[in-house]
Amino acid sequence: MPKVDIGDAEIHYEESGQGDPIMFVPGLGGGGAVWNQQIPAFSDAYRTIVHDHRGCGQSTYSRIDYSVDQMADDAIRLMDRLGIERVHWVGHSTGGAMGQTVAQEHPDRLASLVLSATWAGQDSYFNRAFAARRAVLSTSGAADYARQSILTLLPPWYITQNPERIDELEGHLGGGDQPVEIMQSRIDAICAYDRRAGMGDIKAPTLVIVAEDDMVTPRYLSDELAENIPGAEKVVIPTGGHFVIHVETDAYNSAVRDFIDRHPMQSGGRAS
């Protein structure tokens, strides 16, 4: 499994296909494996890159104060080590928050931006929801945290109809041997994140995509993004919850693929 030294950590990544690069950037769980239903749908025409965030999966478990800006900087350093000038960035949840940071701080590195089930800044609902999840993590441990979290991440009907898939997803959420203090710090990081002031400065062609029944980052947070990022497109999928990438895979992949196909890069890594 390939890893790249970014200076103070090693980042595990995997890539498939050839062509213009797409980075699929995972959410709070931080493991690139969550994109396993997207990679085959894009690697026929694109170079796809997924990575485990620092502190997650097979990357270094650094004991630091995590922040979304730090996570975005790690991704930029990964791009540098891989010799990638510009990418199509597909960021889900925390990955979308990272994408907004990159779009505002490093606009030349993005050919396009897909903001998937994400938010520009927290609100009372968001903070109360993650305070509850953090409390379960702190008092009951990672396994109970995963079991509780899954109830808001997926539609009830999907949980009932897919018990084996739920067991698999709970395993990802449980973090494996990831230290609880890292999981806590990453929750603190997303609750401190707010990039609302820079939404109007985002220049990359942007697609905002969300499920109507998302209970983690509700649709109105995506509406806010689409209304304030110049020229942003928006796709609302009728169901799928926060994990719409797993539940309505074909609809999700089709919308994202259509958007990226319409924003090809020119030679020299510039978007047309």
Protein backbone atom coordinates (compact mmCIF):
# COMPACT_ATOMS: atom_id res chain seq x y z
CA MET A 1 0.00 0.00 0.00
CA PRO A 2 1.63 3.29 -1.05
CA LYS A 3 2.41 6.01 1.46
CA VAL A 4 3.88 9.47 0.97
CA ASP A 5 5.99 11.36 3.52
CA ILE A 6 4.60 14.90 3.72
CA GLY A 7 7.19 16.04 6.26
CA ASP A 8 5.71 15.32 9.67
CA ALA A 9 3.42 12.42 8.75
CA GLU A 10 2.98 9.63 6.25
CA ILE A 11 -0.22 9.70 4.21
CA HIS A 12 -1.65 6.49 2.80
CA TYR A 13 -3.16 6.87 -0.64
CA GLU A 14 -4.35 4.79 -3.57
CA GLU A 15 -4.85 5.74 -7.19
CA SER A 16 -6.43 4.19 -10.25
CA GLY A 17 -6.85 5.09 -13.91
CA GLN A 18 -5.26 7.70 -16.11
CA GLY A 19 -6.23 11.15 -17.26
CA ASP A 20 -7.03 14.39 -15.47
CA PRO A 21 -6.76 13.85 -11.71
CA ILE A 22 -9.74 13.68 -9.35
CA MET A 23 -9.20 13.66 -5.60
CA PHE A 24 -12.01 11.96 -3.72
CA VAL A 25 -11.68 13.32 -0.19
CA PRO A 26 -13.48 11.53 2.67
CA GLY A 27 -15.39 12.96 5.61
CA LEU A 28 -14.94 12.84 9.36
CA GLY A 29 -14.08 9.14 9.42
CA GLY A 30 -11.13 10.02 7.24
CA GLY A 31 -10.73 6.71 5.44
CA GLY A 32 -10.42 6.70 1.66
CA ALA A 33 -12.16 3.32 1.45
CA VAL A 34 -15.55 5.07 1.74
CA TRP A 35 -15.20 5.93 -1.96
CA ASN A 36 -15.02 2.32 -3.15
CA GLN A 37 -18.35 2.67 -5.01
CA GLN A 38 -17.18 5.79 -6.84
CA ILE A 39 -13.70 4.88 -8.06
CA PRO A 40 -14.79 2.29 -10.70
CA ALA A 41 -17.25 4.81 -12.14
CA PHE A 42 -14.52 7.42 -12.74
CA SER A 43 -11.22 5.60 -13.22
CA ASP A 44 -12.10 4.63 -16.79
CA ALA A 45 -11.35 8.21 -17.90
CA TYR A 46 -9.68 9.91 -14.92
CA ARG A 47 -6.75 9.43 -12.59
CA THR A 48 -8.51 8.94 -9.26
CA ILE A 49 -6.74 9.53 -5.95
CA VAL A 50 -8.07 8.72 -2.49
CA HIS A 51 -6.21 9.10 0.77
CA ASP A 52 -6.61 8.42 4.47
CA HIS A 53 -6.51 11.64 6.45
CA ARG A 54 -3.71 12.01 8.96
CA GLY A 55 -4.92 10.34 12.16
CA CYS A 56 -7.10 7.87 10.25
CA GLY A 57 -6.86 4.55 8.45
CA GLN A 58 -3.31 3.67 7.46
CA SER A 59 -1.89 7.20 7.75
CA THR A 60 0.16 8.45 10.71
CA TYR A 61 -1.73 8.77 13.99
CA SER A 62 -0.36 12.18 14.90
CA ARG A 63 -1.38 13.46 18.33
CA ILE A 64 -1.95 17.08 17.40
CA ASP A 65 -4.76 19.61 17.64
CA TYR A 66 -6.61 18.81 14.43
CA SER A 67 -8.25 21.47 12.27
CA VAL A 68 -9.90 21.56 8.87
CA ASP A 69 -7.17 23.92 7.65
CA GLN A 70 -4.52 21.39 8.75
CA MET A 71 -6.38 18.59 6.94
CA ALA A 72 -6.55 20.72 3.77
CA ASP A 73 -2.84 21.53 4.05
CA ASP A 74 -2.03 17.81 4.33
CA ALA A 75 -3.97 17.21 1.09
CA ILE A 76 -2.09 20.01 -0.70
CA ARG A 77 1.21 18.53 0.47
CA LEU A 78 0.09 15.13 -0.82
CA MET A 79 -0.65 16.72 -4.20
CA ASP A 80 2.81 18.29 -4.19
CA ARG A 81 4.50 14.97 -3.44
CA LEU A 82 2.53 13.29 -6.23
CA GLY A 83 3.44 16.07 -8.69
CA ILE A 84 -0.19 17.12 -9.19
CA GLU A 85 -0.70 20.78 -10.04
CA ARG A 86 -4.50 20.89 -10.24
CA VAL A 87 -7.32 18.51 -9.46
CA HIS A 88 -11.02 18.07 -9.64
CA TRP A 89 -11.84 17.95 -5.92
CA VAL A 90 -14.77 15.81 -4.77
CA GLY A 91 -15.14 16.36 -1.05
CA HIS A 92 -17.76 14.66 1.10
CA SER A 93 -18.77 16.30 4.39
CA THR A 94 -15.45 17.17 6.11
CA GLY A 95 -13.79 16.62 2.72
CA GLY A 96 -16.07 19.32 1.35
CA ALA A 97 -15.09 21.67 4.16
CA MET A 98 -11.45 21.00 3.24
CA GLY A 99 -12.31 21.74 -0.39
CA GLN A 100 -13.70 25.14 0.53
CA THR A 101 -10.49 25.92 2.40
CA VAL A 102 -8.42 24.94 -0.64
CA ALA A 103 -10.69 26.93 -2.95
CA GLN A 104 -10.22 30.05 -0.82
CA GLU A 105 -6.54 29.68 0.06
CA HIS A 106 -5.15 27.86 -3.01
CA PRO A 107 -7.56 28.63 -5.87
CA ASP A 108 -4.98 27.77 -8.52
CA ARG A 109 -4.96 24.13 -7.36
CA LEU A 110 -8.58 23.40 -8.29
CA ALA A 111 -10.05 22.75 -11.73
CA SER A 112 -13.48 22.14 -10.22
CA LEU A 113 -15.04 21.59 -6.82
CA VAL A 114 -17.77 19.17 -5.76
CA LEU A 115 -19.22 19.94 -2.32
CA SER A 116 -20.99 16.79 -1.21
CA ALA A 117 -23.19 16.80 1.92
CA THR A 118 -21.17 19.56 3.50
CA TRP A 119 -21.46 22.95 5.15
CA ALA A 120 -19.85 26.41 5.18
CA GLY A 121 -20.09 26.89 8.95
CA GLN A 122 -21.76 25.27 11.91
CA ASP A 123 -25.05 26.24 13.53
CA SER A 124 -26.91 25.28 16.71
CA TYR A 125 -28.26 22.02 15.25
CA PHE A 126 -24.84 20.98 13.95
CA ASN A 127 -23.08 21.73 17.23
CA ARG A 128 -25.72 19.98 19.37
CA ALA A 129 -25.63 16.90 17.15
CA PHE A 130 -21.85 16.57 17.27
CA ALA A 131 -21.72 17.36 20.99
CA ALA A 132 -24.02 14.37 21.50
CA ARG A 133 -21.88 12.13 19.31
CA ARG A 134 -18.69 13.27 21.06
CA ALA A 135 -20.23 12.55 24.46
CA VAL A 136 -21.06 8.98 23.42
CA LEU A 137 -17.51 8.54 22.09
CA SER A 138 -15.99 9.88 25.31
CA THR A 139 -18.15 7.95 27.76
CA SER A 140 -18.97 4.72 25.92
CA GLY A 141 -16.15 4.27 23.41
CA ALA A 142 -15.78 3.96 19.67
CA ALA A 143 -18.09 0.96 19.14
CA ASP A 144 -21.10 2.65 20.75
CA TYR A 145 -20.19 5.88 18.96
CA ALA A 146 -20.42 4.03 15.64
CA ARG A 147 -23.74 2.38 16.52
CA GLN A 148 -25.26 5.70 17.57
CA SER A 149 -23.85 7.66 14.63
CA ILE A 150 -25.18 5.31 11.98
CA LEU A 151 -28.75 6.17 13.00
CA THR A 152 -28.36 9.72 11.64
CA LEU A 153 -26.02 8.91 8.76
CA LEU A 154 -28.44 6.69 6.84
CA PRO A 155 -32.18 6.56 6.12
CA PRO A 156 -34.08 4.19 8.43
CA TRP A 157 -35.29 2.05 5.52
CA TYR A 158 -31.71 1.50 4.34
CA ILE A 159 -30.58 0.42 7.80
CA THR A 160 -33.40 -2.13 7.98
CA GLN A 161 -32.86 -3.52 4.50
CA ASN A 162 -29.03 -3.76 4.57
CA PRO A 163 -27.86 -5.27 7.88
CA GLU A 164 -24.58 -6.61 6.52
CA ARG A 165 -23.70 -3.27 4.93
CA ILE A 166 -24.51 -1.51 8.20
CA ASP A 167 -22.10 -3.76 10.07
CA GLU A 168 -19.39 -2.84 7.55
CA LEU A 169 -20.05 0.90 7.82
CA GLU A 170 -20.11 0.74 11.61
CA GLY A 171 -16.67 -0.83 11.42
CA HIS A 172 -15.37 2.15 9.46
CA LEU A 173 -16.95 4.60 11.92
CA GLY A 174 -15.45 2.79 14.88
CA GLY A 175 -12.01 3.85 13.71
CA GLY A 176 -10.28 0.49 14.15
CA ASP A 177 -7.25 1.10 16.37
CA GLN A 178 -7.52 4.89 15.96
CA PRO A 179 -6.98 6.55 19.38
CA VAL A 180 -10.17 8.04 20.80
CA GLU A 181 -8.41 11.32 21.53
CA ILE A 182 -7.74 11.75 17.79
CA MET A 183 -11.40 11.11 17.00
CA GLN A 184 -12.37 13.68 19.65
CA SER A 185 -9.96 16.27 18.26
CA ARG A 186 -11.31 15.78 14.74
CA ILE A 187 -14.87 16.36 15.98
CA ASP A 188 -13.65 19.53 17.72
CA ALA A 189 -12.06 20.58 14.42
CA ILE A 190 -15.26 20.43 12.41
CA CYS A 191 -17.23 22.20 15.15
CA ALA A 192 -14.72 25.08 15.00
CA TYR A 193 -14.84 25.33 11.20
CA ASP A 194 -16.48 28.35 9.58
CA ARG A 195 -15.69 29.59 6.07
CA ARG A 196 -18.90 31.50 5.42
CA ALA A 197 -17.08 34.79 4.98
CA GLY A 198 -15.19 33.44 1.96
CA MET A 199 -17.99 31.69 0.08
CA GLY A 200 -18.27 34.55 -2.42
CA ASP A 201 -14.55 34.34 -3.17
CA ILE A 202 -14.67 30.78 -4.51
CA LYS A 203 -13.85 30.90 -8.23
CA ALA A 204 -13.69 27.20 -9.11
CA PRO A 205 -16.69 25.78 -10.98
CA THR A 206 -18.70 24.30 -8.13
CA LEU A 207 -21.33 21.59 -7.77
CA VAL A 208 -23.23 21.33 -4.48
CA ILE A 209 -24.86 17.92 -4.03
CA VAL A 210 -26.93 16.65 -1.09
CA ALA A 211 -29.71 14.24 -0.20
CA GLU A 212 -33.05 15.73 0.78
CA ASP A 213 -33.14 13.63 3.97
CA ASP A 214 -29.57 14.28 5.20
CA MET A 215 -29.77 14.59 9.00
CA VAL A 216 -26.07 15.32 9.62
CA THR A 217 -25.55 18.23 7.23
CA PRO A 218 -29.17 19.12 6.41
CA ARG A 219 -30.14 20.33 2.98
CA TYR A 220 -30.41 23.96 4.09
CA LEU A 221 -26.64 24.02 4.67
CA SER A 222 -26.11 23.00 1.04
CA ASP A 223 -28.67 25.60 -0.06
CA GLU A 224 -26.56 28.21 1.73
CA LEU A 225 -23.48 27.13 -0.19
CA ALA A 226 -25.23 27.07 -3.56
CA GLU A 227 -26.76 30.50 -2.99
CA ASN A 228 -23.47 32.17 -2.00
CA ILE A 229 -20.81 30.56 -4.22
CA PRO A 230 -20.83 32.40 -7.56
CA GLY A 231 -22.24 30.26 -10.35
CA ALA A 232 -22.63 27.14 -8.22
CA GLU A 233 -24.85 24.35 -9.48
CA LYS A 234 -26.96 22.29 -7.10
CA VAL A 235 -28.28 18.73 -7.22
CA VAL A 236 -30.68 17.42 -4.59
CA ILE A 237 -31.14 13.64 -4.49
CA PRO A 238 -34.53 12.67 -3.00
CA THR A 239 -33.16 10.18 -0.46
CA GLY A 240 -29.87 8.71 0.70
CA GLY A 241 -29.14 10.48 3.97
CA HIS A 242 -25.67 11.72 4.77
CA PHE A 243 -24.15 8.59 3.23
CA VAL A 244 -25.87 9.21 -0.10
CA ILE A 245 -22.66 8.09 -1.82
CA HIS A 246 -23.48 4.55 -0.63
CA VAL A 247 -27.28 4.61 -0.77
CA GLU A 248 -27.99 6.27 -4.14
CA THR A 249 -24.68 5.46 -5.77
CA ASP A 250 -25.80 5.56 -9.41
CA ALA A 251 -27.62 8.89 -9.08
CA TYR A 252 -24.71 10.39 -7.17
CA ASN A 253 -22.04 9.14 -9.57
CA SER A 254 -24.02 10.26 -12.60
CA ALA A 255 -24.46 13.82 -11.32
CA VAL A 256 -20.83 14.20 -10.31
CA ARG A 257 -19.50 12.59 -13.49
CA ASP A 258 -21.66 14.86 -15.66
CA PHE A 259 -20.37 17.94 -13.84
CA ILE A 260 -16.69 16.99 -14.06
CA ASP A 261 -17.00 15.96 -17.70
CA ARG A 262 -18.32 19.46 -18.44
CA HIS A 263 -15.24 21.10 -16.89
CA PRO A 264 -12.26 19.48 -18.60
CA MET A 265 -8.72 20.65 -18.01
CA GLN A 266 -6.67 22.15 -20.79
CA SER A 267 -3.02 21.35 -21.35
CA GLY A 268 -0.90 22.70 -18.56
CA GLY A 269 -3.47 21.70 -15.99
CA ARG A 270 -5.88 24.59 -16.48
CA ALA A 271 -9.61 24.18 -16.61
CA SER A 272 -11.35 25.24 -19.78
